[in-house]
């Protein structure tokens, strides 16, 4: 590596390229209103909700640690850090706040959460 070169590894915390990702992290999938898993692009990148208390979020933490500790990278290029393609997840866990409101009844029509 030439002197002064900084090495960053690309990282996207909302998508997984693992073949068994949808099964392995079934509870952590980002879901559409129809209950299907959201996909990022061309239906090949399933999307997951990386939270500090779920399996997928823990795996992402381990992955970043591996990039920095084992690979020796200077840092991480964290693409779409605060939010990815979809704003809302329709499924558990509910954040206790976000929901779609029935405009006629003024009641919760469907629970959701922000993908952040």
PDB file of N, CA and C in Angstrom:
ATOM      1  N   UNK A   1       0.839  -1.168   0.000  1.00  0.00           N
ATOM      2  CA  UNK A   1       0.000   0.000   0.000  1.00  0.00           C
ATOM      3  C   UNK A   1       0.891   1.241   0.000  1.00  0.00           C
ATOM      4  N   UNK A   2       0.678   2.161  -0.940  1.00  0.00           N
ATOM      5  CA  UNK A   2       1.484   3.387  -0.967  1.00  0.00           C
ATOM      6  C   UNK A   2       1.298   4.201   0.314  1.00  0.00           C
ATOM      7  N   UNK A   3       2.363   4.843   0.741  1.00  0.00           N
ATOM      8  CA  UNK A   3       2.331   5.674   1.932  1.00  0.00           C
ATOM      9  C   UNK A   3       1.250   6.744   1.792  1.00  0.00           C
ATOM     10  N   UNK A   4       0.447   6.909   2.826  1.00  0.00           N
ATOM     11  CA  UNK A   4      -0.601   7.919   2.805  1.00  0.00           C
ATOM     12  C   UNK A   4      -1.921   7.448   2.220  1.00  0.00           C
ATOM     13  N   UNK A   5      -2.008   6.190   1.816  1.00  0.00           N
ATOM     14  CA  UNK A   5      -3.247   5.663   1.265  1.00  0.00           C
ATOM     15  C   UNK A   5      -4.162   5.205   2.397  1.00  0.00           C
ATOM     16  N   UNK A   6      -5.385   5.656   2.361  1.00  0.00           N
ATOM     17  CA  UNK A   6      -6.380   5.250   3.350  1.00  0.00           C
ATOM     18  C   UNK A   6      -7.258   4.175   2.733  1.00  0.00           C
ATOM     19  N   UNK A   7      -7.457   3.090   3.467  1.00  0.00           N
ATOM     20  CA  UNK A   7      -8.261   1.974   2.974  1.00  0.00           C
ATOM     21  C   UNK A   7      -9.585   1.918   3.732  1.00  0.00           C
ATOM     22  N   UNK A   8     -10.681   2.030   2.979  1.00  0.00           N
ATOM     23  CA  UNK A   8     -12.018   1.904   3.536  1.00  0.00           C
ATOM     24  C   UNK A   8     -12.693   0.695   2.908  1.00  0.00           C
ATOM     25  N   UNK A   9     -13.488  -0.015   3.677  1.00  0.00           N
ATOM     26  CA  UNK A   9     -14.250  -1.154   3.175  1.00  0.00           C
ATOM     27  C   UNK A   9     -15.714  -0.733   3.084  1.00  0.00           C
ATOM     28  N   UNK A  10     -16.338  -1.033   1.942  1.00  0.00           N
ATOM     29  CA  UNK A  10     -17.749  -0.704   1.728  1.00  0.00           C
ATOM     30  C   UNK A  10     -18.623  -1.524   2.676  1.00  0.00           C
ATOM     31  N   UNK A  11     -19.637  -0.881   3.231  1.00  0.00           N
ATOM     32  CA  UNK A  11     -20.545  -1.542   4.169  1.00  0.00           C
ATOM     33  C   UNK A  11     -21.946  -0.985   3.984  1.00  0.00           C
ATOM     34  N   UNK A  12     -22.925  -1.868   3.919  1.00  0.00           N
ATOM     35  CA  UNK A  12     -24.333  -1.476   3.836  1.00  0.00           C
ATOM     36  C   UNK A  12     -25.076  -2.305   4.870  1.00  0.00           C
ATOM     37  N   UNK A  13     -25.560  -1.664   5.908  1.00  0.00           N
ATOM     38  CA  UNK A  13     -26.130  -2.407   7.032  1.00  0.00           C
ATOM     39  C   UNK A  13     -27.551  -2.916   6.805  1.00  0.00           C
ATOM     40  N   UNK A  14     -28.210  -2.508   5.741  1.00  0.00           N
ATOM     41  CA  UNK A  14     -29.592  -2.924   5.519  1.00  0.00           C
ATOM     42  C   UNK A  14     -29.741  -4.085   4.535  1.00  0.00           C
ATOM     43  N   UNK A  15     -28.691  -4.413   3.779  1.00  0.00           N
ATOM     44  CA  UNK A  15     -28.798  -5.508   2.811  1.00  0.00           C
ATOM     45  C   UNK A  15     -27.855  -6.641   3.184  1.00  0.00           C
ATOM     46  N   UNK A  16     -28.247  -7.842   2.792  1.00  0.00           N
ATOM     47  CA  UNK A  16     -27.413  -9.015   3.042  1.00  0.00           C
ATOM     48  C   UNK A  16     -27.252  -9.787   1.742  1.00  0.00           C
ATOM     49  N   UNK A  17     -26.048 -10.250   1.507  1.00  0.00           N
ATOM     50  CA  UNK A  17     -25.787 -11.084   0.330  1.00  0.00           C
ATOM     51  C   UNK A  17     -25.657 -12.549   0.715  1.00  0.00           C
ATOM     52  N   UNK A  18     -25.936 -12.873   1.970  1.00  0.00           N
ATOM     53  CA  UNK A  18     -25.884 -14.269   2.406  1.00  0.00           C
ATOM     54  C   UNK A  18     -26.997 -15.056   1.720  1.00  0.00           C
ATOM     55  N   UNK A  19     -26.660 -16.226   1.172  1.00  0.00           N
ATOM     56  CA  UNK A  19     -27.661 -17.051   0.499  1.00  0.00           C
ATOM     57  C   UNK A  19     -28.825 -17.407   1.417  1.00  0.00           C
ATOM     58  N   UNK A  20     -28.528 -17.689   2.667  1.00  0.00           N
ATOM     59  CA  UNK A  20     -29.555 -18.103   3.618  1.00  0.00           C
ATOM     60  C   UNK A  20     -30.033 -16.952   4.511  1.00  0.00           C
ATOM     61  N   UNK A  21     -29.702 -15.718   4.140  1.00  0.00           N
ATOM     62  CA  UNK A  21     -30.071 -14.564   4.952  1.00  0.00           C
ATOM     63  C   UNK A  21     -31.540 -14.488   5.329  1.00  0.00           C
ATOM     64  N   UNK A  22     -32.466 -14.621   4.360  1.00  0.00           N
ATOM     65  CA  UNK A  22     -33.886 -14.520   4.706  1.00  0.00           C
ATOM     66  C   UNK A  22     -34.349 -15.571   5.718  1.00  0.00           C
ATOM     67  N   UNK A  23     -33.735 -16.742   5.701  1.00  0.00           N
ATOM     68  CA  UNK A  23     -34.084 -17.768   6.680  1.00  0.00           C
ATOM     69  C   UNK A  23     -33.354 -17.521   8.003  1.00  0.00           C
ATOM     70  N   UNK A  24     -32.084 -17.183   7.906  1.00  0.00           N
ATOM     71  CA  UNK A  24     -31.244 -16.989   9.091  1.00  0.00           C
ATOM     72  C   UNK A  24     -31.721 -15.812   9.942  1.00  0.00           C
ATOM     73  N   UNK A  25     -32.155 -14.746   9.293  1.00  0.00           N
ATOM     74  CA  UNK A  25     -32.594 -13.535   9.988  1.00  0.00           C
ATOM     75  C   UNK A  25     -34.079 -13.264   9.732  1.00  0.00           C
ATOM     76  N   UNK A  26     -34.889 -14.300   9.730  1.00  0.00           N
ATOM     77  CA  UNK A  26     -36.313 -14.176   9.399  1.00  0.00           C
ATOM     78  C   UNK A  26     -37.032 -13.153  10.276  1.00  0.00           C
ATOM     79  N   UNK A  27     -36.693 -13.095  11.539  1.00  0.00           N
ATOM     80  CA  UNK A  27     -37.355 -12.169  12.460  1.00  0.00           C
ATOM     81  C   UNK A  27     -36.916 -10.724  12.248  1.00  0.00           C
ATOM     82  N   UNK A  28     -35.846 -10.516  11.476  1.00  0.00           N
ATOM     83  CA  UNK A  28     -35.261  -9.184  11.317  1.00  0.00           C
ATOM     84  C   UNK A  28     -35.470  -8.596   9.923  1.00  0.00           C
ATOM     85  N   UNK A  29     -36.303  -9.250   9.110  1.00  0.00           N
ATOM     86  CA  UNK A  29     -36.551  -8.775   7.748  1.00  0.00           C
ATOM     87  C   UNK A  29     -37.339  -7.470   7.756  1.00  0.00           C
ATOM     88  N   UNK A  30     -37.042  -6.583   6.805  1.00  0.00           N
ATOM     89  CA  UNK A  30     -37.865  -5.389   6.604  1.00  0.00           C
ATOM     90  C   UNK A  30     -39.040  -5.823   5.734  1.00  0.00           C
ATOM     91  N   UNK A  31     -40.251  -5.605   6.247  1.00  0.00           N
ATOM     92  CA  UNK A  31     -41.448  -6.077   5.565  1.00  0.00           C
ATOM     93  C   UNK A  31     -42.249  -4.933   4.957  1.00  0.00           C
ATOM     94  N   UNK A  32     -42.844  -5.223   3.803  1.00  0.00           N
ATOM     95  CA  UNK A  32     -43.759  -4.303   3.127  1.00  0.00           C
ATOM     96  C   UNK A  32     -45.137  -4.429   3.789  1.00  0.00           C
ATOM     97  N   UNK A  33     -46.072  -3.538   3.479  1.00  0.00           N
ATOM     98  CA  UNK A  33     -47.416  -3.650   4.059  1.00  0.00           C
ATOM     99  C   UNK A  33     -48.094  -4.994   3.781  1.00  0.00           C
ATOM    100  N   UNK A  34     -47.741  -5.643   2.665  1.00  0.00           N
ATOM    101  CA  UNK A  34     -48.348  -6.934   2.335  1.00  0.00           C
ATOM    102  C   UNK A  34     -47.661  -8.109   3.035  1.00  0.00           C
ATOM    103  N   UNK A  35     -46.659  -7.828   3.875  1.00  0.00           N
ATOM    104  CA  UNK A  35     -45.977  -8.883   4.625  1.00  0.00           C
ATOM    105  C   UNK A  35     -44.787  -9.499   3.921  1.00  0.00           C
ATOM    106  N   UNK A  36     -44.534  -9.098   2.692  1.00  0.00           N
ATOM    107  CA  UNK A  36     -43.380  -9.638   1.959  1.00  0.00           C
ATOM    108  C   UNK A  36     -42.113  -8.881   2.318  1.00  0.00           C
ATOM    109  N   UNK A  37     -40.994  -9.588   2.216  1.00  0.00           N
ATOM    110  CA  UNK A  37     -39.722  -8.947   2.530  1.00  0.00           C
ATOM    111  C   UNK A  37     -39.375  -7.912   1.469  1.00  0.00           C
ATOM    112  N   UNK A  38     -38.916  -6.768   1.922  1.00  0.00           N
ATOM    113  CA  UNK A  38     -38.452  -5.727   1.007  1.00  0.00           C
ATOM    114  C   UNK A  38     -37.120  -6.162   0.410  1.00  0.00           C
ATOM    115  N   UNK A  39     -36.913  -5.798  -0.849  1.00  0.00           N
ATOM    116  CA  UNK A  39     -35.642  -6.063  -1.521  1.00  0.00           C
ATOM    117  C   UNK A  39     -35.116  -4.750  -2.075  1.00  0.00           C
ATOM    118  N   UNK A  40     -33.815  -4.644  -2.156  1.00  0.00           N
ATOM    119  CA  UNK A  40     -33.195  -3.382  -2.533  1.00  0.00           C
ATOM    120  C   UNK A  40     -33.243  -3.115  -4.027  1.00  0.00           C
ATOM    121  N   UNK A  41     -32.732  -4.031  -4.816  1.00  0.00           N
ATOM    122  CA  UNK A  41     -32.600  -3.774  -6.242  1.00  0.00           C
ATOM    123  C   UNK A  41     -32.679  -5.076  -7.020  1.00  0.00           C
ATOM    124  N   UNK A  42     -33.440  -5.068  -8.071  1.00  0.00           N
ATOM    125  CA  UNK A  42     -33.554  -6.216  -8.974  1.00  0.00           C
ATOM    126  C   UNK A  42     -33.901  -7.504  -8.232  1.00  0.00           C
ATOM    127  N   UNK A  43     -34.514  -7.361  -7.072  1.00  0.00           N
ATOM    128  CA  UNK A  43     -34.976  -8.507  -6.284  1.00  0.00           C
ATOM    129  C   UNK A  43     -33.857  -9.463  -5.884  1.00  0.00           C
ATOM    130  N   UNK A  44     -32.628  -8.931  -5.742  1.00  0.00           N
ATOM    131  CA  UNK A  44     -31.522  -9.812  -5.362  1.00  0.00           C
ATOM    132  C   UNK A  44     -30.889  -9.446  -4.028  1.00  0.00           C
ATOM    133  N   UNK A  45     -31.262  -8.327  -3.443  1.00  0.00           N
ATOM    134  CA  UNK A  45     -30.682  -7.910  -2.169  1.00  0.00           C
ATOM    135  C   UNK A  45     -31.775  -7.786  -1.112  1.00  0.00           C
ATOM    136  N   UNK A  46     -32.032  -8.859  -0.358  1.00  0.00           N
ATOM    137  CA  UNK A  46     -33.045  -8.768   0.689  1.00  0.00           C
ATOM    138  C   UNK A  46     -32.615  -7.777   1.766  1.00  0.00           C
ATOM    139  N   UNK A  47     -33.599  -7.091   2.326  1.00  0.00           N
ATOM    140  CA  UNK A  47     -33.308  -6.037   3.299  1.00  0.00           C
ATOM    141  C   UNK A  47     -33.698  -6.460   4.712  1.00  0.00           C
ATOM    142  N   UNK A  48     -32.873  -6.004   5.665  1.00  0.00           N
ATOM    143  CA  UNK A  48     -33.055  -6.356   7.068  1.00  0.00           C
ATOM    144  C   UNK A  48     -32.950  -5.110   7.929  1.00  0.00           C
ATOM    145  N   UNK A  49     -33.526  -5.181   9.129  1.00  0.00           N
ATOM    146  CA  UNK A  49     -33.525  -4.071  10.070  1.00  0.00           C
ATOM    147  C   UNK A  49     -32.431  -4.312  11.112  1.00  0.00           C
ATOM    148  N   UNK A  50     -31.313  -3.584  11.022  1.00  0.00           N
ATOM    149  CA  UNK A  50     -30.211  -3.805  11.964  1.00  0.00           C
ATOM    150  C   UNK A  50     -30.443  -3.046  13.278  1.00  0.00           C
ATOM    151  N   UNK A  51     -30.893  -3.754  14.275  1.00  0.00           N
ATOM    152  CA  UNK A  51     -31.123  -3.146  15.583  1.00  0.00           C
ATOM    153  C   UNK A  51     -30.096  -3.676  16.577  1.00  0.00           C
ATOM    154  N   UNK A  52     -29.856  -2.936  17.616  1.00  0.00           N
ATOM    155  CA  UNK A  52     -28.890  -3.354  18.623  1.00  0.00           C
ATOM    156  C   UNK A  52     -29.291  -4.599  19.385  1.00  0.00           C
ATOM    157  N   UNK A  53     -30.585  -4.941  19.347  1.00  0.00           N
ATOM    158  CA  UNK A  53     -31.052  -6.093  20.107  1.00  0.00           C
ATOM    159  C   UNK A  53     -31.591  -7.228  19.243  1.00  0.00           C
ATOM    160  N   UNK A  54     -31.232  -7.267  17.954  1.00  0.00           N
ATOM    161  CA  UNK A  54     -31.655  -8.414  17.147  1.00  0.00           C
ATOM    162  C   UNK A  54     -30.437  -9.119  16.541  1.00  0.00           C
ATOM    163  N   UNK A  55     -30.665 -10.329  16.031  1.00  0.00           N
ATOM    164  CA  UNK A  55     -29.560 -11.141  15.504  1.00  0.00           C
ATOM    165  C   UNK A  55     -28.853 -10.465  14.342  1.00  0.00           C
ATOM    166  N   UNK A  56     -29.626  -9.866  13.434  1.00  0.00           N
ATOM    167  CA  UNK A  56     -29.009  -9.222  12.274  1.00  0.00           C
ATOM    168  C   UNK A  56     -28.159  -8.026  12.697  1.00  0.00           C
ATOM    169  N   UNK A  57     -28.669  -7.222  13.602  1.00  0.00           N
ATOM    170  CA  UNK A  57     -27.905  -6.080  14.095  1.00  0.00           C
ATOM    171  C   UNK A  57     -26.613  -6.503  14.771  1.00  0.00           C
ATOM    172  N   UNK A  58     -26.668  -7.584  15.542  1.00  0.00           N
ATOM    173  CA  UNK A  58     -25.460  -8.098  16.198  1.00  0.00           C
ATOM    174  C   UNK A  58     -24.449  -8.572  15.159  1.00  0.00           C
ATOM    175  N   UNK A  59     -24.924  -9.232  14.110  1.00  0.00           N
ATOM    176  CA  UNK A  59     -24.026  -9.712  13.056  1.00  0.00           C
ATOM    177  C   UNK A  59     -23.368  -8.535  12.342  1.00  0.00           C
ATOM    178  N   UNK A  60     -24.110  -7.452  12.121  1.00  0.00           N
ATOM    179  CA  UNK A  60     -23.534  -6.271  11.481  1.00  0.00           C
ATOM    180  C   UNK A  60     -22.454  -5.647  12.363  1.00  0.00           C
ATOM    181  N   UNK A  61     -22.678  -5.641  13.660  1.00  0.00           N
ATOM    182  CA  UNK A  61     -21.658  -5.133  14.588  1.00  0.00           C
ATOM    183  C   UNK A  61     -20.389  -5.976  14.484  1.00  0.00           C
ATOM    184  N   UNK A  62     -20.553  -7.299  14.481  1.00  0.00           N
ATOM    185  CA  UNK A  62     -19.408  -8.208  14.361  1.00  0.00           C
ATOM    186  C   UNK A  62     -18.687  -8.001  13.031  1.00  0.00           C
ATOM    187  N   UNK A  63     -19.449  -7.742  11.980  1.00  0.00           N
ATOM    188  CA  UNK A  63     -18.858  -7.540  10.659  1.00  0.00           C
ATOM    189  C   UNK A  63     -17.980  -6.285  10.635  1.00  0.00           C
ATOM    190  N   UNK A  64     -18.469  -5.201  11.221  1.00  0.00           N
ATOM    191  CA  UNK A  64     -17.676  -3.966  11.275  1.00  0.00           C
ATOM    192  C   UNK A  64     -16.418  -4.187  12.114  1.00  0.00           C
ATOM    193  N   UNK A  65     -16.544  -4.894  13.221  1.00  0.00           N
ATOM    194  CA  UNK A  65     -15.370  -5.200  14.046  1.00  0.00           C
ATOM    195  C   UNK A  65     -14.350  -6.012  13.259  1.00  0.00           C
ATOM    196  N   UNK A  66     -14.827  -6.964  12.449  1.00  0.00           N
ATOM    197  CA  UNK A  66     -13.941  -7.777  11.619  1.00  0.00           C
ATOM    198  C   UNK A  66     -13.232  -6.918  10.573  1.00  0.00           C
ATOM    199  N   UNK A  67     -13.961  -5.985   9.961  1.00  0.00           N
ATOM    200  CA  UNK A  67     -13.358  -5.090   8.968  1.00  0.00           C
ATOM    201  C   UNK A  67     -12.202  -4.309   9.591  1.00  0.00           C
ATOM    202  N   UNK A  68     -12.430  -3.780  10.768  1.00  0.00           N
ATOM    203  CA  UNK A  68     -11.424  -2.937  11.415  1.00  0.00           C
ATOM    204  C   UNK A  68     -10.302  -3.741  12.065  1.00  0.00           C
ATOM    205  N   UNK A  69     -10.647  -4.833  12.741  1.00  0.00           N
ATOM    206  CA  UNK A  69      -9.651  -5.590  13.501  1.00  0.00           C
ATOM    207  C   UNK A  69      -8.897  -6.622  12.671  1.00  0.00           C
ATOM    208  N   UNK A  70      -9.622  -7.449  11.934  1.00  0.00           N
ATOM    209  CA  UNK A  70      -8.982  -8.536  11.195  1.00  0.00           C
ATOM    210  C   UNK A  70      -8.473  -8.109   9.821  1.00  0.00           C
ATOM    211  N   UNK A  71      -9.246  -7.291   9.127  1.00  0.00           N
ATOM    212  CA  UNK A  71      -8.830  -6.854   7.787  1.00  0.00           C
ATOM    213  C   UNK A  71      -7.832  -5.705   7.855  1.00  0.00           C
ATOM    214  N   UNK A  72      -7.825  -4.996   8.955  1.00  0.00           N
ATOM    215  CA  UNK A  72      -6.888  -3.886   9.113  1.00  0.00           C
ATOM    216  C   UNK A  72      -7.240  -2.649   8.316  1.00  0.00           C
ATOM    217  N   UNK A  73      -8.505  -2.516   7.951  1.00  0.00           N
ATOM    218  CA  UNK A  73      -8.922  -1.324   7.206  1.00  0.00           C
ATOM    219  C   UNK A  73      -8.815  -0.095   8.101  1.00  0.00           C
ATOM    220  N   UNK A  74      -8.633   1.058   7.467  1.00  0.00           N
ATOM    221  CA  UNK A  74      -8.563   2.316   8.208  1.00  0.00           C
ATOM    222  C   UNK A  74      -9.943   2.798   8.646  1.00  0.00           C
ATOM    223  N   UNK A  75     -10.953   2.310   7.958  1.00  0.00           N
ATOM    224  CA  UNK A  75     -12.301   2.742   8.277  1.00  0.00           C
ATOM    225  C   UNK A  75     -13.320   2.017   7.430  1.00  0.00           C
ATOM    226  N   UNK A  76     -14.553   2.463   7.546  1.00  0.00           N
ATOM    227  CA  UNK A  76     -15.673   1.845   6.850  1.00  0.00           C
ATOM    228  C   UNK A  76     -16.391   2.918   6.038  1.00  0.00           C
ATOM    229  N   UNK A  77     -16.657   2.634   4.761  1.00  0.00           N
ATOM    230  CA  UNK A  77     -17.533   3.498   3.976  1.00  0.00           C
ATOM    231  C   UNK A  77     -18.938   2.942   4.179  1.00  0.00           C
ATOM    232  N   UNK A  78     -19.699   3.554   5.071  1.00  0.00           N
ATOM    233  CA  UNK A  78     -21.016   3.063   5.462  1.00  0.00           C
ATOM    234  C   UNK A  78     -22.062   3.728   4.590  1.00  0.00           C
ATOM    235  N   UNK A  79     -22.493   3.027   3.557  1.00  0.00           N
ATOM    236  CA  UNK A  79     -23.472   3.544   2.608  1.00  0.00           C
ATOM    237  C   UNK A  79     -24.862   3.555   3.243  1.00  0.00           C
ATOM    238  N   UNK A  80     -25.604   4.613   3.022  1.00  0.00           N
ATOM    239  CA  UNK A  80     -26.977   4.755   3.519  1.00  0.00           C
ATOM    240  C   UNK A  80     -27.067   4.452   5.015  1.00  0.00           C
ATOM    241  N   UNK A  81     -26.228   5.128   5.766  1.00  0.00           N
ATOM    242  CA  UNK A  81     -26.126   4.870   7.202  1.00  0.00           C
ATOM    243  C   UNK A  81     -27.436   5.090   7.955  1.00  0.00           C
ATOM    244  N   UNK A  82     -28.090   6.196   7.728  1.00  0.00           N
ATOM    245  CA  UNK A  82     -29.263   6.525   8.542  1.00  0.00           C
ATOM    246  C   UNK A  82     -30.551   5.876   8.056  1.00  0.00           C
ATOM    247  N   UNK A  83     -30.618   5.563   6.783  1.00  0.00           N
ATOM    248  CA  UNK A  83     -31.821   4.961   6.221  1.00  0.00           C
ATOM    249  C   UNK A  83     -31.494   4.455   4.830  1.00  0.00           C
ATOM    250  N   UNK A  84     -32.190   3.401   4.414  1.00  0.00           N
ATOM    251  CA  UNK A  84     -31.958   2.866   3.082  1.00  0.00           C
ATOM    252  C   UNK A  84     -33.155   3.163   2.186  1.00  0.00           C
ATOM    253  N   UNK A  85     -33.409   2.294   1.255  1.00  0.00           N
ATOM    254  CA  UNK A  85     -34.410   2.539   0.218  1.00  0.00           C
ATOM    255  C   UNK A  85     -35.825   2.764   0.755  1.00  0.00           C
ATOM    256  N   UNK A  86     -36.200   2.057   1.790  1.00  0.00           N
ATOM    257  CA  UNK A  86     -37.559   2.155   2.317  1.00  0.00           C
ATOM    258  C   UNK A  86     -37.569   2.864   3.662  1.00  0.00           C
ATOM    259  N   UNK A  87     -38.574   3.698   3.869  1.00  0.00           N
ATOM    260  CA  UNK A  87     -38.675   4.468   5.103  1.00  0.00           C
ATOM    261  C   UNK A  87     -39.323   3.667   6.225  1.00  0.00           C
ATOM    262  N   UNK A  88     -40.280   2.795   5.877  1.00  0.00           N
ATOM    263  CA  UNK A  88     -41.043   2.097   6.911  1.00  0.00           C
ATOM    264  C   UNK A  88     -40.961   0.581   6.802  1.00  0.00           C
ATOM    265  N   UNK A  89     -41.046  -0.046   7.965  1.00  0.00           N
ATOM    266  CA  UNK A  89     -41.108  -1.507   8.114  1.00  0.00           C
ATOM    267  C   UNK A  89     -42.465  -1.819   8.732  1.00  0.00           C
ATOM    268  N   UNK A  90     -43.192  -2.769   8.150  1.00  0.00           N
ATOM    269  CA  UNK A  90     -44.521  -3.134   8.636  1.00  0.00           C
ATOM    270  C   UNK A  90     -44.468  -4.523   9.244  1.00  0.00           C
ATOM    271  N   UNK A  91     -44.197  -4.585  10.513  1.00  0.00           N
ATOM    272  CA  UNK A  91     -44.100  -5.857  11.218  1.00  0.00           C
ATOM    273  C   UNK A  91     -43.463  -5.634  12.573  1.00  0.00           C
ATOM    274  N   UNK A  92     -43.169  -6.712  13.235  1.00  0.00           N
ATOM    275  CA  UNK A  92     -42.508  -6.630  14.545  1.00  0.00           C
ATOM    276  C   UNK A  92     -41.012  -6.464  14.341  1.00  0.00           C
ATOM    277  N   UNK A  93     -40.323  -5.805  15.216  1.00  0.00           N
ATOM    278  CA  UNK A  93     -40.872  -5.173  16.409  1.00  0.00           C
ATOM    279  C   UNK A  93     -41.445  -3.795  16.089  1.00  0.00           C
ATOM    280  N   UNK A  94     -42.554  -3.482  16.713  1.00  0.00           N
ATOM    281  CA  UNK A  94     -43.173  -2.169  16.581  1.00  0.00           C
ATOM    282  C   UNK A  94     -42.426  -1.203  17.482  1.00  0.00           C
ATOM    283  N   UNK A  95     -42.236   0.020  17.047  1.00  0.00           N
ATOM    284  CA  UNK A  95     -41.517   1.003  17.867  1.00  0.00           C
ATOM    285  C   UNK A  95     -42.412   1.669  18.910  1.00  0.00           C
ATOM    286  N   UNK A  96     -43.697   1.311  18.924  1.00  0.00           N
ATOM    287  CA  UNK A  96     -44.620   1.855  19.907  1.00  0.00           C
ATOM    288  C   UNK A  96     -45.151   3.235  19.569  1.00  0.00           C
ATOM    289  N   UNK A  97     -44.761   3.768  18.408  1.00  0.00           N
ATOM    290  CA  UNK A  97     -45.129   5.133  18.048  1.00  0.00           C
ATOM    291  C   UNK A  97     -45.672   5.230  16.624  1.00  0.00           C
ATOM    292  N   UNK A  98     -44.957   4.672  15.666  1.00  0.00           N
ATOM    293  CA  UNK A  98     -45.255   4.868  14.252  1.00  0.00           C
ATOM    294  C   UNK A  98     -46.396   3.961  13.794  1.00  0.00           C
ATOM    295  N   UNK A  99     -47.330   4.536  13.027  1.00  0.00           N
ATOM    296  CA  UNK A  99     -48.462   3.755  12.533  1.00  0.00           C
ATOM    297  C   UNK A  99     -49.143   4.495  11.392  1.00  0.00           C
ATOM    298  N   UNK A 100     -49.894   3.738  10.593  1.00  0.00           N
ATOM    299  CA  UNK A 100     -50.779   4.320   9.598  1.00  0.00           C
ATOM    300  C   UNK A 100     -52.120   4.545  10.299  1.00  0.00           C
ATOM    301  N   UNK A 101     -52.731   5.692  10.064  1.00  0.00           N
ATOM    302  CA  UNK A 101     -53.978   6.040  10.740  1.00  0.00           C
ATOM    303  C   UNK A 101     -55.148   5.917   9.776  1.00  0.00           C
ATOM    304  N   UNK A 102     -56.217   5.291  10.238  1.00  0.00           N
ATOM    305  CA  UNK A 102     -57.465   5.232   9.489  1.00  0.00           C
ATOM    306  C   UNK A 102     -58.068   6.632   9.551  1.00  0.00           C
ATOM    307  N   UNK A 103     -58.192   7.292   8.417  1.00  0.00           N
ATOM    308  CA  UNK A 103     -58.626   8.692   8.373  1.00  0.00           C
ATOM    309  C   UNK A 103     -60.097   8.877   8.734  1.00  0.00           C
ATOM    310  N   UNK A 104     -60.877   7.835   8.611  1.00  0.00           N
ATOM    311  CA  UNK A 104     -62.294   7.937   8.954  1.00  0.00           C
ATOM    312  C   UNK A 104     -62.508   7.666  10.443  1.00  0.00           C
ATOM    313  N   UNK A 105     -61.948   6.557  10.924  1.00  0.00           N
ATOM    314  CA  UNK A 105     -62.148   6.159  12.323  1.00  0.00           C
ATOM    315  C   UNK A 105     -61.173   6.839  13.285  1.00  0.00           C
ATOM    316  N   UNK A 106     -60.089   7.401  12.740  1.00  0.00           N
ATOM    317  CA  UNK A 106     -59.033   8.019  13.541  1.00  0.00           C
ATOM    318  C   UNK A 106     -58.444   7.033  14.549  1.00  0.00           C
ATOM    319  N   UNK A 107     -58.236   5.817  14.062  1.00  0.00           N
ATOM    320  CA  UNK A 107     -57.606   4.766  14.868  1.00  0.00           C
ATOM    321  C   UNK A 107     -56.400   4.230  14.105  1.00  0.00           C
ATOM    322  N   UNK A 108     -55.589   3.455  14.780  1.00  0.00           N
ATOM    323  CA  UNK A 108     -54.435   2.836  14.121  1.00  0.00           C
ATOM    324  C   UNK A 108     -54.930   1.784  13.141  1.00  0.00           C
ATOM    325  N   UNK A 109     -54.583   1.956  11.882  1.00  0.00           N
ATOM    326  CA  UNK A 109     -54.955   0.997  10.846  1.00  0.00           C
ATOM    327  C   UNK A 109     -53.895  -0.089  10.706  1.00  0.00           C
ATOM    328  N   UNK A 110     -52.631   0.315  10.886  1.00  0.00           N
ATOM    329  CA  UNK A 110     -51.527  -0.642  10.724  1.00  0.00           C
ATOM    330  C   UNK A 110     -50.311  -0.086  11.455  1.00  0.00           C
ATOM    331  N   UNK A 111     -49.704  -0.928  12.272  1.00  0.00           N
ATOM    332  CA  UNK A 111     -48.489  -0.532  12.983  1.00  0.00           C
ATOM    333  C   UNK A 111     -47.295  -0.615  12.040  1.00  0.00           C
ATOM    334  N   UNK A 112     -46.348   0.286  12.240  1.00  0.00           N
ATOM    335  CA  UNK A 112     -45.122   0.275  11.442  1.00  0.00           C
ATOM    336  C   UNK A 112     -43.995   0.832  12.299  1.00  0.00           C
ATOM    337  N   UNK A 113     -42.832   0.947  11.718  1.00  0.00           N
ATOM    338  CA  UNK A 113     -41.710   1.609  12.394  1.00  0.00           C
ATOM    339  C   UNK A 113     -40.812   2.194  11.327  1.00  0.00           C
ATOM    340  N   UNK A 114     -40.095   3.225  11.686  1.00  0.00           N
ATOM    341  CA  UNK A 114     -39.136   3.813  10.750  1.00  0.00           C
ATOM    342  C   UNK A 114     -37.932   2.896  10.648  1.00  0.00           C
ATOM    343  N   UNK A 115     -37.399   2.795   9.459  1.00  0.00           N
ATOM    344  CA  UNK A 115     -36.208   1.964   9.224  1.00  0.00           C
ATOM    345  C   UNK A 115     -34.963   2.782   9.532  1.00  0.00           C
ATOM    346  N   UNK A 116     -34.689   3.001  10.781  1.00  0.00           N
ATOM    347  CA  UNK A 116     -33.522   3.767  11.217  1.00  0.00           C
ATOM    348  C   UNK A 116     -32.856   3.081  12.352  1.00  0.00           C
TER     349      UNK A 116
END
